[in-house]
Structures are given as C-alpha cells and as structure tokens.
Protein backbone atom coordinates (compact mmCIF):
# COMPACT_ATOMS: atom_id res chain seq x y z
CA MET A 1 -8.93 8.67 -39.21
CA ARG A 2 -5.74 6.58 -39.08
CA LEU A 3 -2.24 8.00 -39.12
CA THR A 4 -0.11 7.17 -42.18
CA VAL A 5 3.42 8.11 -41.08
CA PRO A 6 5.78 5.64 -42.85
CA GLY A 7 6.95 2.84 -40.56
CA TYR A 8 4.81 3.88 -37.62
CA GLN A 9 2.59 0.78 -37.82
CA ARG A 10 5.62 -1.50 -37.40
CA LEU A 11 6.79 0.46 -34.35
CA LEU A 12 3.36 0.56 -32.74
CA ALA A 13 2.91 -3.17 -33.30
CA GLN A 14 5.93 -3.77 -31.04
CA VAL A 15 4.39 -1.93 -28.06
CA VAL A 16 3.48 -4.40 -25.29
CA ASN A 17 2.20 -2.12 -22.49
CA PHE A 18 0.33 1.11 -23.22
CA SER A 19 -1.01 3.85 -20.93
CA PHE A 20 -3.04 6.95 -21.76
CA TYR A 21 -4.86 9.78 -20.02
CA GLU A 22 -8.56 10.47 -20.52
CA THR A 23 -7.89 13.72 -22.41
CA GLU A 24 -5.83 11.85 -25.03
CA ILE A 25 -8.72 9.70 -26.18
CA GLU A 26 -8.93 11.04 -29.76
CA THR A 27 -5.23 10.53 -30.40
CA VAL A 28 -5.41 7.05 -28.92
CA ARG A 29 -8.43 6.20 -31.03
CA ALA A 30 -6.41 7.04 -34.16
CA ILE A 31 -3.62 4.57 -33.34
CA ALA A 32 -5.53 1.85 -31.45
CA HIS A 33 -5.85 -0.49 -34.45
CA ASP A 34 -2.08 -0.51 -34.95
CA LEU A 35 -1.26 -1.46 -31.35
CA THR A 36 -1.61 -5.12 -32.28
CA GLY A 37 1.01 -6.51 -29.89
CA LEU A 38 -0.46 -5.08 -26.69
CA GLN A 39 -0.61 -7.29 -23.61
CA SER A 40 -1.96 -4.57 -21.30
CA VAL A 41 -3.54 -1.11 -21.48
CA THR A 42 -4.02 1.40 -18.64
CA ILE A 43 -6.36 4.39 -18.45
CA THR A 44 -5.55 7.16 -15.95
CA GLY A 45 -7.77 10.08 -15.07
CA ARG A 46 -11.56 9.69 -14.99
CA ALA A 47 -12.95 6.54 -16.53
CA THR A 48 -15.69 8.15 -18.62
CA ALA A 49 -18.23 6.46 -20.90
CA ALA A 50 -16.05 7.41 -23.87
CA THR A 51 -12.93 5.79 -22.44
CA LEU A 52 -14.82 2.66 -21.35
CA SER A 53 -16.29 2.34 -24.83
CA LEU A 54 -12.83 2.67 -26.36
CA LEU A 55 -11.44 -0.02 -24.06
CA ASP A 56 -14.41 -2.25 -24.83
CA THR A 57 -14.16 -2.04 -28.61
CA ALA A 58 -10.91 -0.65 -30.04
CA PHE A 59 -8.84 -2.54 -27.46
CA SER A 60 -10.92 -5.71 -27.47
CA HIS A 61 -7.80 -7.73 -28.36
CA VAL A 62 -5.89 -6.68 -25.20
CA PRO A 63 -6.04 -9.38 -22.49
CA ARG A 64 -5.30 -7.17 -19.44
CA VAL A 65 -6.94 -3.78 -18.79
CA PHE A 66 -6.22 -1.46 -15.85
CA ILE A 67 -8.50 1.40 -14.76
CA SER A 68 -6.26 3.55 -12.56
CA GLY A 69 -8.49 6.62 -12.70
CA ALA A 70 -11.75 6.81 -10.82
CA LEU A 71 -14.81 5.02 -12.14
CA GLU A 72 -17.92 7.04 -11.21
CA HIS A 73 -20.39 4.15 -10.87
CA ILE A 74 -19.20 0.57 -10.77
CA GLU A 75 -22.51 -0.74 -12.15
CA THR A 76 -21.83 1.02 -15.49
CA LEU A 77 -19.32 -1.74 -16.24
CA LEU A 78 -22.26 -4.01 -17.08
CA ASP A 79 -22.77 -1.93 -20.23
CA TYR A 80 -19.39 -3.16 -21.54
CA PRO A 81 -19.57 -6.97 -21.62
CA GLN A 82 -16.37 -7.42 -23.64
CA LEU A 83 -14.40 -5.27 -21.21
CA CYS A 84 -15.36 -6.74 -17.83
CA PRO A 85 -13.66 -10.16 -18.17
CA ARG A 86 -10.39 -8.43 -19.11
CA LEU A 87 -10.27 -5.96 -16.22
CA VAL A 88 -7.37 -6.59 -13.84
CA ASN A 89 -7.49 -3.39 -11.78
CA ILE A 90 -10.29 -0.90 -11.08
CA SER A 91 -10.60 2.19 -8.91
CA THR A 92 -14.17 3.26 -8.22
CA PHE A 93 -16.27 5.57 -6.09
CA PHE A 94 -18.27 3.50 -3.63
CA GLY A 95 -20.44 4.27 -0.66
CA VAL A 96 -23.98 5.30 -1.52
CA GLU A 97 -26.61 2.60 -1.19
CA GLN A 98 -25.93 -0.12 -3.73
CA ASP A 99 -28.35 -2.64 -5.23
CA HIS A 100 -27.11 -6.04 -4.09
CA GLU A 101 -28.29 -7.95 -7.13
CA THR A 102 -26.50 -5.51 -9.43
CA LEU A 103 -23.32 -5.70 -7.36
CA ALA A 104 -23.43 -9.49 -7.57
CA LEU A 105 -23.72 -9.28 -11.37
CA VAL A 106 -20.75 -6.91 -11.51
CA GLY A 107 -18.71 -9.23 -9.31
CA ARG A 108 -19.46 -12.25 -11.50
CA SER A 109 -18.43 -10.33 -14.63
CA LEU A 110 -15.04 -9.30 -13.19
CA ARG A 111 -13.61 -12.80 -13.13
CA GLN A 112 -9.99 -11.69 -13.81
CA LEU A 113 -9.96 -8.79 -11.31
CA GLU A 114 -6.82 -8.73 -9.14
CA SER A 115 -6.89 -5.26 -7.56
CA LEU A 116 -9.84 -3.22 -6.23
CA SER A 117 -9.68 0.37 -4.92
CA LEU A 118 -12.78 1.81 -3.23
CA ILE A 119 -13.23 5.55 -2.68
CA ASN A 120 -16.05 7.25 -0.80
CA ARG A 121 -16.36 11.02 -1.15
CA VAL A 122 -19.95 11.38 0.15
CA ASN A 123 -20.67 12.35 3.77
CA PRO A 124 -20.95 10.35 5.90
CA ARG A 125 -18.18 8.58 4.01
CA LEU A 126 -19.23 5.07 5.00
CA ILE A 127 -18.36 2.03 2.91
CA HIS A 128 -20.99 -0.56 3.77
CA VAL A 129 -19.45 -4.00 4.15
CA GLU A 130 -22.86 -5.55 3.51
CA ASP A 131 -22.57 -4.22 -0.05
CA LEU A 132 -18.98 -5.38 -0.41
CA VAL A 133 -19.96 -8.97 0.34
CA TYR A 134 -22.08 -9.11 -2.81
CA LEU A 135 -19.36 -7.49 -4.93
CA THR A 136 -16.35 -9.49 -3.73
CA ARG A 137 -17.64 -12.98 -2.95
CA GLU A 138 -17.00 -14.26 -6.49
CA LEU A 139 -13.77 -12.36 -7.13
CA THR A 140 -11.65 -15.49 -6.77
CA LYS A 141 -8.51 -13.90 -8.26
CA LEU A 142 -8.62 -10.71 -6.16
CA LYS A 143 -5.23 -10.11 -4.54
CA SER A 144 -5.38 -6.49 -3.36
CA ILE A 145 -8.01 -4.24 -1.72
CA GLN A 146 -7.56 -0.54 -0.97
CA THR A 147 -10.24 1.45 0.85
CA SER A 148 -10.64 5.19 1.39
CA GLY A 149 -13.65 5.82 3.57
CA PRO A 150 -14.83 4.48 6.96
CA LEU A 151 -15.87 0.82 6.94
CA GLU A 152 -19.30 0.01 8.35
CA ASN A 153 -19.34 -3.62 9.50
CA GLU A 154 -21.59 -3.76 12.54
CA GLN A 155 -22.50 -7.41 11.86
CA SER A 156 -18.84 -8.47 11.59
CA LEU A 157 -19.51 -9.92 8.15
CA ASP A 158 -16.86 -12.15 6.62
CA TRP A 159 -16.14 -10.01 3.57
CA ILE A 160 -12.40 -10.09 2.77
CA PRO A 161 -11.84 -12.89 0.21
CA ASP A 162 -9.25 -15.50 1.20
CA SER A 163 -7.39 -14.75 -2.05
CA VAL A 164 -6.54 -11.19 -0.89
CA VAL A 165 -2.88 -10.94 0.17
CA GLU A 166 -2.55 -7.11 0.34
CA PHE A 167 -4.88 -4.77 2.24
CA THR A 168 -4.46 -0.97 2.29
CA VAL A 169 -6.45 1.27 4.63
CA SER A 170 -6.26 5.07 4.68
CA ASP A 171 -7.56 8.09 6.59
CA ASP A 172 -10.15 7.32 9.27
CA GLU A 173 -11.91 4.25 7.92
CA LEU A 174 -10.88 2.08 10.84
CA GLY A 175 -13.15 3.92 13.23
CA ARG A 176 -16.72 5.04 13.79
CA SER A 177 -18.29 1.58 13.61
CA GLU A 178 -18.02 -1.66 15.49
CA GLY A 179 -17.10 -4.89 13.79
CA ILE A 180 -14.56 -7.64 13.34
CA ASN A 181 -12.91 -7.91 9.93
CA VAL A 182 -10.92 -11.06 9.19
CA GLY A 183 -8.41 -11.32 6.36
CA ARG A 184 -7.29 -14.95 6.43
CA GLY A 185 -4.94 -14.65 3.46
CA VAL A 186 -3.69 -11.08 4.02
CA GLN A 187 0.10 -11.04 4.17
CA ARG A 188 0.75 -7.31 3.67
CA LEU A 189 -1.08 -4.52 5.50
CA VAL A 190 -0.56 -0.83 4.69
CA LEU A 191 -2.06 1.71 7.11
CA GLN A 192 -2.34 5.43 6.28
CA ILE A 193 -3.27 6.91 9.64
CA GLY A 194 -4.42 10.48 10.15
CA ASP A 195 -6.42 12.28 12.85
CA THR A 196 -8.80 9.53 13.83
CA THR A 197 -10.45 7.50 16.55
CA MET A 198 -9.96 3.84 15.80
CA ALA A 199 -11.02 2.04 18.92
CA ARG A 200 -13.97 -0.02 17.77
CA ASN A 201 -13.11 -1.75 14.49
CA VAL A 202 -11.07 -4.93 14.84
CA PHE A 203 -8.90 -6.45 12.12
CA ARG A 204 -7.44 -9.92 12.32
CA PHE A 205 -4.78 -11.11 9.90
CA PRO A 206 -3.49 -14.54 10.98
CA GLN A 207 -1.04 -14.74 8.04
CA LEU A 208 0.31 -11.16 8.27
CA GLU A 209 4.00 -10.90 7.32
CA HIS A 210 4.48 -7.30 6.18
CA LEU A 211 3.25 -4.26 8.15
CA GLU A 212 3.59 -0.72 6.81
CA VAL A 213 2.37 2.21 8.94
CA HIS A 214 2.33 5.85 7.76
CA MET A 215 1.27 8.42 10.37
CA ASN A 216 0.58 11.84 8.88
CA ASP A 217 -0.85 14.01 11.66
CA ASP A 218 -1.04 14.36 15.43
CA GLU A 219 -2.66 10.99 16.05
CA GLU A 220 -4.90 10.32 19.00
CA MET A 221 -3.42 7.84 21.44
CA ASP A 222 -6.14 5.25 20.88
CA ALA A 223 -5.00 5.10 17.26
CA VAL A 224 -1.41 4.53 18.37
CA GLY A 225 -2.54 1.90 20.86
CA TRP A 226 -4.60 0.18 18.18
CA VAL A 227 -1.60 -0.13 15.86
CA GLN A 228 0.62 -1.17 18.78
CA GLN A 229 -1.75 -4.00 19.60
CA LEU A 230 -1.88 -5.04 15.95
CA ALA A 231 1.93 -5.21 15.86
CA ARG A 232 2.07 -7.20 19.11
CA ASP A 233 -0.57 -9.66 17.94
CA ASN A 234 1.35 -10.35 14.74
CA ALA A 235 4.92 -10.11 16.07
CA PRO A 236 5.59 -13.88 15.72
CA THR A 237 4.92 -13.85 11.95
CA LEU A 238 6.09 -10.38 10.82
CA ARG A 239 8.88 -10.49 8.22
CA SER A 240 9.02 -6.74 7.45
CA VAL A 241 7.98 -3.55 9.26
CA HIS A 242 8.01 -0.02 7.82
CA VAL A 243 7.09 2.93 10.07
CA SER A 244 7.04 6.52 8.81
CA THR A 245 5.84 9.82 10.28
CA LYS A 246 5.55 13.27 8.70
CA ASP A 247 4.59 15.33 11.74
CA ALA A 248 6.79 16.40 14.65
CA ASP A 249 4.11 15.38 17.15
CA SER A 250 3.53 11.99 15.57
CA GLN A 251 3.71 8.86 17.69
CA GLY A 252 4.96 6.63 14.88
CA LEU A 253 7.85 5.03 16.75
CA GLU A 254 5.44 4.03 19.52
CA VAL A 255 4.31 1.24 17.20
CA LEU A 256 7.54 -0.62 17.92
CA LYS A 257 7.43 -0.18 21.67
CA GLN A 258 6.56 -3.14 23.88
CA ILE A 259 7.66 -5.55 21.13
CA GLU A 260 10.51 -7.52 22.66
CA SER A 261 10.98 -10.17 20.02
CA LEU A 262 10.34 -10.31 16.30
CA PRO A 263 11.69 -13.78 15.55
CA GLN A 264 10.87 -13.73 11.81
CA LEU A 265 11.64 -10.06 11.06
CA GLU A 266 14.01 -9.66 8.11
CA SER A 267 13.43 -6.03 7.07
CA LEU A 268 12.98 -2.91 9.24
CA VAL A 269 12.53 0.60 7.79
CA ILE A 270 12.06 3.63 10.07
CA ASP A 271 11.41 7.06 8.53
CA LEU A 272 10.81 9.74 11.18
CA CYS A 273 10.96 13.51 11.40
CA CYS A 274 11.84 13.48 15.11
CA PHE A 275 13.27 11.21 17.77
CA GLU A 276 12.27 11.16 21.41
CA GLU A 277 14.74 11.52 24.23
CA GLY A 278 15.53 8.76 26.67
CA SER A 279 16.13 5.06 26.29
CA PHE A 280 13.83 3.64 23.66
CA PHE A 281 13.88 -0.05 24.47
CA SER A 282 14.39 0.52 28.23
CA ASP A 283 15.46 -2.70 29.94
CA ARG A 284 13.84 -5.07 27.48
CA LYS A 285 16.00 -7.55 25.60
CA LEU A 286 15.32 -6.96 21.92
CA SER A 287 15.66 -10.03 19.69
CA LEU A 288 15.87 -9.77 15.89
CA PRO A 289 17.65 -13.00 14.92
CA LYS A 290 16.76 -12.90 11.20
CA LEU A 291 17.04 -9.16 10.51
CA ASP A 292 19.36 -8.48 7.57
CA TYR A 293 17.92 -5.21 6.17
CA PHE A 294 17.63 -1.99 8.21
CA ALA A 295 17.10 1.63 7.12
CA LEU A 296 16.87 4.67 9.41
CA HIS A 297 15.98 8.08 7.92
CA SER A 298 15.44 11.71 8.99
CA ILE A 299 16.28 11.41 12.66
CA PRO A 300 18.16 14.53 13.89
CA ALA A 301 21.72 13.53 14.69
CA ASN A 302 21.96 15.84 17.72
CA TYR A 303 19.79 13.52 19.83
CA PRO A 304 22.24 11.51 21.95
CA ASN A 305 20.17 8.32 21.98
CA VAL A 306 20.25 7.84 18.20
CA SER A 307 23.58 6.06 18.60
CA SER A 308 22.30 3.81 21.38
CA PHE A 309 19.16 3.07 19.38
CA ILE A 310 21.22 1.86 16.41
CA LYS A 311 23.46 -0.17 18.74
CA ASP A 312 20.37 -1.83 20.22
CA ILE A 313 19.28 -2.83 16.73
CA LEU A 314 22.73 -4.13 15.77
CA ASN A 315 23.16 -6.07 19.01
CA ALA A 316 19.75 -7.67 18.50
CA ALA A 317 20.46 -8.53 14.85
CA PRO A 318 23.64 -10.63 14.46
CA LYS A 319 22.93 -11.25 10.74
CA LEU A 320 22.87 -7.54 9.87
CA GLU A 321 26.07 -6.84 7.91
CA TYR A 322 25.20 -3.36 6.66
CA PHE A 323 22.35 -0.84 6.95
CA PHE A 324 21.22 2.52 5.55
CA LEU A 325 21.38 5.97 7.20
CA ASP A 326 20.73 9.47 5.91
CA GLU A 327 23.66 11.82 5.42
CA PRO A 328 23.14 14.18 8.43
CA THR A 329 22.88 11.22 10.80
CA CYS A 330 26.09 9.76 9.38
CA SER A 331 27.83 13.12 9.84
CA GLY A 332 26.51 13.56 13.37
CA LEU A 333 27.77 10.12 14.33
CA ALA A 334 31.14 10.70 12.61
CA ILE A 335 30.59 7.85 10.15
CA SER A 336 32.52 8.21 6.91
CA ILE A 337 30.29 7.81 3.87
CA THR A 338 31.31 6.74 0.40
CA GLY A 339 29.59 5.38 -2.66
CA PRO A 340 26.26 6.29 -4.28
CA ALA A 341 23.42 7.93 -2.38
CA SER A 342 19.74 7.42 -3.11
CA LEU A 343 16.22 8.52 -2.19
CA GLN A 344 14.81 5.18 -3.34
CA LEU A 345 15.69 1.82 -1.86
CA PHE A 346 14.33 -1.64 -2.48
CA ASP A 347 14.17 -3.84 0.59
CA LYS A 348 14.90 -7.55 0.40
CA PHE A 349 11.27 -8.26 -0.51
CA ASN A 350 11.58 -5.91 -3.49
CA ASN A 351 9.26 -3.35 -1.87
CA LEU A 352 10.15 0.17 -3.04
CA ARG A 353 10.95 2.52 -0.14
CA GLU A 354 10.95 6.20 -1.13
CA PHE A 355 12.45 8.85 1.15
CA SER A 356 12.46 12.63 1.15
CA MET A 357 15.75 14.54 1.35
CA PRO A 358 18.39 13.96 2.64
CA LYS A 359 19.64 10.96 0.70
CA MET A 360 20.50 7.57 2.13
CA TYR A 361 23.92 5.92 2.34
CA ARG A 362 24.91 2.33 2.99
CA VAL A 363 26.91 1.81 6.20
CA LYS A 364 28.85 -1.32 7.09
CA ARG A 365 28.32 -2.81 10.51
CA ASN A 366 32.00 -2.55 11.42
CA GLN A 367 31.92 1.19 10.67
CA PHE A 368 29.58 1.68 13.60
CA ILE A 369 30.52 -0.93 16.18
C-alpha cells in the first residue's frame, strides 16, 4: 500500500539521506518508492532478513547503504547481490569459525565498503585474524576498522589493509594472544581500554598521527605501559592526542609521561576525573612547538599542581593563543570567564570532543600567564 497524502511525494522526492529503525520497516516500505532522490540510506537496530531484502529491492536505486545495526551472519549478504556492491558501512557479529572461501566471496562482493565493525559475543570472544585475511584482502576502499573482541594473531599475519586510515580497538582485544599487527596506512588510532592484560599483542602504525585513549576502569599497569610505549614510539609523528579517564583510580595521564617532545603535535585534549599530586613533568623539558589547540576538563581545581601543569603546557607551546578549561577549574584558578560555554568542542582536525558536565570555556593565554 502506498500513501496518498497530497504533496507528500514531492516532499519525499527531495530527501537525500534517510535513516530508519528495524521496527519501522512496514512504514518505510510504504514510502520507499517515493524516496527517489536518495543518495544514502541507513538501517539501525538488527539487520534482519526483512530489512536486508528491503534494502536490496525497494532501495535498489540508492548508491550508498549503511548497516549501523548488527548483522547476525556476514555470509547472509551473499543472498542479496544487488545490495552488496552498494554497502559502505557494515557492523557484524564475527568470531565463530568461518569458512574461508565464503569469506573471500563476501569480501569480493563488498567492493565499495569503507567501514567495517566486528563484534564477538561468544566465549572465548576471539576474532581470528586468519579469517579476517580472507574477508579484508580485497576491500580496497576500506578506510575504517573497529573490533570488539580479542584478536587472535599468533602467526603475525599481515591483515590490516593499507587503505585503512582509522583503527578502533575496545575492551580487552589487545591481549591474550601473541602476534604483531601492522597498519601501514593507519593515521588515527582509538583505544577503549578496560580491565585487561595487554602485554603480548604488538601493533605498529608507522603513519600514526592521531591517538585517542579512553581508560574506563582500574587498568593493570602492563596496559598503561603498553599505551605509554605506543605513544613514545609514535611521538615524532603524532599531530593530536586525546586522553580521557572515567575512574578515580585510572592511570590515563600516565600515557603522556616520559614523552619529552612531540614536535608535530597540534591538538591535545585531556579529560580526567582526578589529578595526581606532585610535579607531572618533573625536570624534563617539554617541547610542543606546533601545539595550537589544548583542552583540559574535569580536573579538581583544589590540586595545587593544576596551575603548574597548565603553565608547563603554555611554556612548551609558544603558538598556543587560547585554550579550553571547565568552569570549576577556571573558578579555582581565579580566571574570569565570559562568552558561550559548551559540552561539545571540535578540535582543529574537526574531530568532535564531547565532555560531561561541567561545561568548557575558552581562555586566552594572557588571562593565565
């Protein structure tokens, strides 16, 4: 059945991007034929057979399709030959033993795929890199990989395509198996670190420019050391660093310790729920010659070394004309604040930085020094 509300076809024909949830499938089916101007369509929620069929047929004219909800079995995509070449983003459960020939067929059919999210919910939650090789080796346009589940790469297989520029890793997938993983083209790395042991997996990103580390629990020190080493190894090329912690016992700021010089760093965002006592940089001479964006959030203002920490940053960054602080820190440091406040900031690379309360204010350099 098609809707016949006067003028609705003309309005729907002007829609360029369209998103719907799996439970809205019947309503969407009724208007699909009138969405003639679509350039992209996104399905959220579970990607069921019914939604895949709808995307394959009723939206066959749409050039870019995004599956943001979870796909139960990636091999089911082979049942929808008109859909596969138009898929730009998929999120799928992955981890049980996969047939390599089938995975290779899926990979060849996804020739426009740009973003791949892999989820493993089965214990032991291993994502076998040997399977990933067959899936990803022909994904020549793949730009982003996100994994949720421990990576098993005992043979140190070369599995990250050179086209991938963004790599996101969460929970404990960096541990529990030995292996070297090389991402030659990876420029942005996002780490979601929880309670984990991370000592054995090695990641090498020779082109890394943007490092984002989120520590959510009381991390084990080998995890902190692992991230520290990663930051040290890539210090000469890093252009932005974002460190956040959500636990009072978190070691998030330790990531920046022992890094004396970040010659290419332009953006630094620190979002902590606590701040340790004592001198942070000790006697080291910090050098941040290109830094021109700095945000510091949620550090209690009653810690006396907050002021010296900010001064260390400003002294190391001669190009930094203004920076962002949260309201309590401004008050604790007797900095007058004016103008709009925000919980969302875009850094100079147009990366969205979202903060919890309190809000952030812009502070001029000469207000502090």
